[in-house]
Each structure stands twice: as C-alpha cells, then as structure tokens.
C-alpha cells in the first residue's frame, strides 16, 4: 500500500510490529555481505506516540467526532 493512502492506524500497526521485532532480537541482520539495522527503540517509541495520537484523531473523525465545531457565533 502506498504511504500516501496509508492511514495513521496502519502506520501505527507497522511501528508496533517493528518494535516487537526488535524486542524479539531482530535489531540487525546480515544478508550476504551487507548488514541491515532497524530504527532504534527510542525512535520507534516516539513514532508510536505520535501515530497513536493521530490514529485516535483519525478514528474520532471517522465516527463523526472530528474535533472543532464548524458553527461560529457572532456577537451583535
């Protein structure tokens, strides 16, 4: 799925999967003669916090509770 159409809920799921993989011992690995390393846990925890907030806002908007009211009261 393209990141342009990916929801914050999906991104949050991917970040949590990456955290789980690191915690299970998959921080880095070798493929042939190249070494690959995942993001650090602190970076992933920061991303998780950010995406959790955005995913909650996204889900609230989908339920029709999308934040600010569009009604404006003008004093006379």
Protein backbone atom coordinates (compact mmCIF):
# COMPACT_ATOMS: atom_id res chain seq x y z
CA UNK A 1 0.00 0.00 0.00
CA UNK A 2 1.27 3.46 -0.83
CA UNK A 3 2.20 5.68 2.10
CA UNK A 4 0.07 8.43 0.51
CA UNK A 5 -3.11 6.42 1.09
CA UNK A 6 -1.96 4.69 4.26
CA UNK A 7 -3.88 5.60 7.40
CA UNK A 8 -2.24 6.53 10.68
CA UNK A 9 -3.79 3.41 12.17
CA UNK A 10 -1.92 1.30 9.60
CA UNK A 11 1.31 3.18 10.22
CA UNK A 12 0.90 2.67 13.96
CA UNK A 13 0.46 -1.07 13.39
CA UNK A 14 3.70 -1.19 11.36
CA UNK A 15 5.64 0.73 14.01
CA UNK A 16 4.39 -1.63 16.71
CA UNK A 17 5.40 -4.62 14.57
CA UNK A 18 8.90 -3.14 14.21
CA UNK A 19 9.10 -2.66 17.99
CA UNK A 20 8.04 -6.28 18.54
CA UNK A 21 10.68 -7.49 16.07
CA UNK A 22 13.42 -5.55 17.84
CA UNK A 23 12.31 -6.81 21.25
CA UNK A 24 12.44 -10.38 19.93
CA UNK A 25 16.09 -9.90 18.93
CA UNK A 26 15.87 -8.70 15.33
CA UNK A 27 17.61 -5.31 15.67
CA UNK A 28 20.06 -6.04 12.87
CA UNK A 29 20.84 -8.84 10.45
CA UNK A 30 23.25 -9.77 7.69
CA UNK A 31 22.17 -10.58 4.16
CA UNK A 32 25.12 -11.67 2.10
CA UNK A 33 27.90 -9.24 2.94
CA UNK A 34 25.58 -6.35 3.87
CA UNK A 35 24.35 -5.56 7.35
CA UNK A 36 20.91 -4.03 7.90
CA UNK A 37 19.80 -2.30 11.09
CA UNK A 38 16.30 -1.29 12.15
CA UNK A 39 15.49 2.05 13.73
CA UNK A 40 16.35 2.45 17.40
CA UNK A 41 13.72 1.70 20.01
CA UNK A 42 13.65 5.31 21.18
CA UNK A 43 12.87 6.49 17.64
CA UNK A 44 10.15 3.88 17.26
CA UNK A 45 8.64 4.76 20.65
CA UNK A 46 8.50 8.43 19.59
CA UNK A 47 6.83 7.42 16.32
CA UNK A 48 4.40 5.17 18.19
CA UNK A 49 3.37 8.01 20.49
CA UNK A 50 2.84 10.39 17.55
CA UNK A 51 0.94 7.88 15.40
CA UNK A 52 -1.23 6.77 18.34
CA UNK A 53 -2.40 10.36 18.81
CA UNK A 54 -3.01 10.85 15.08
CA UNK A 55 -4.75 7.46 14.77
CA UNK A 56 -7.11 8.38 17.64
CA UNK A 57 -7.95 11.67 15.89
CA UNK A 58 -8.45 9.82 12.62
CA UNK A 59 -10.80 7.29 14.23
CA UNK A 60 -12.75 10.03 16.04
CA UNK A 61 -13.21 11.86 12.74
CA UNK A 62 -14.45 8.66 11.11
CA UNK A 63 -17.03 8.30 13.89
CA UNK A 64 -18.20 11.84 13.28
CA UNK A 65 -16.49 13.40 16.26
CA UNK A 66 -13.82 15.14 14.29
CA UNK A 67 -12.88 17.88 16.66
CA UNK A 68 -13.81 21.51 16.22
CA UNK A 69 -17.35 22.55 15.55
CA UNK A 70 -17.87 24.45 12.34
CA UNK A 71 -20.56 26.63 13.94
CA UNK A 72 -19.45 30.19 14.61
CA UNK A 73 -21.28 32.54 16.92
CA UNK A 74 -21.01 36.19 16.06
CA UNK A 75 -21.96 38.78 18.64
CA UNK A 76 -24.18 41.70 17.62
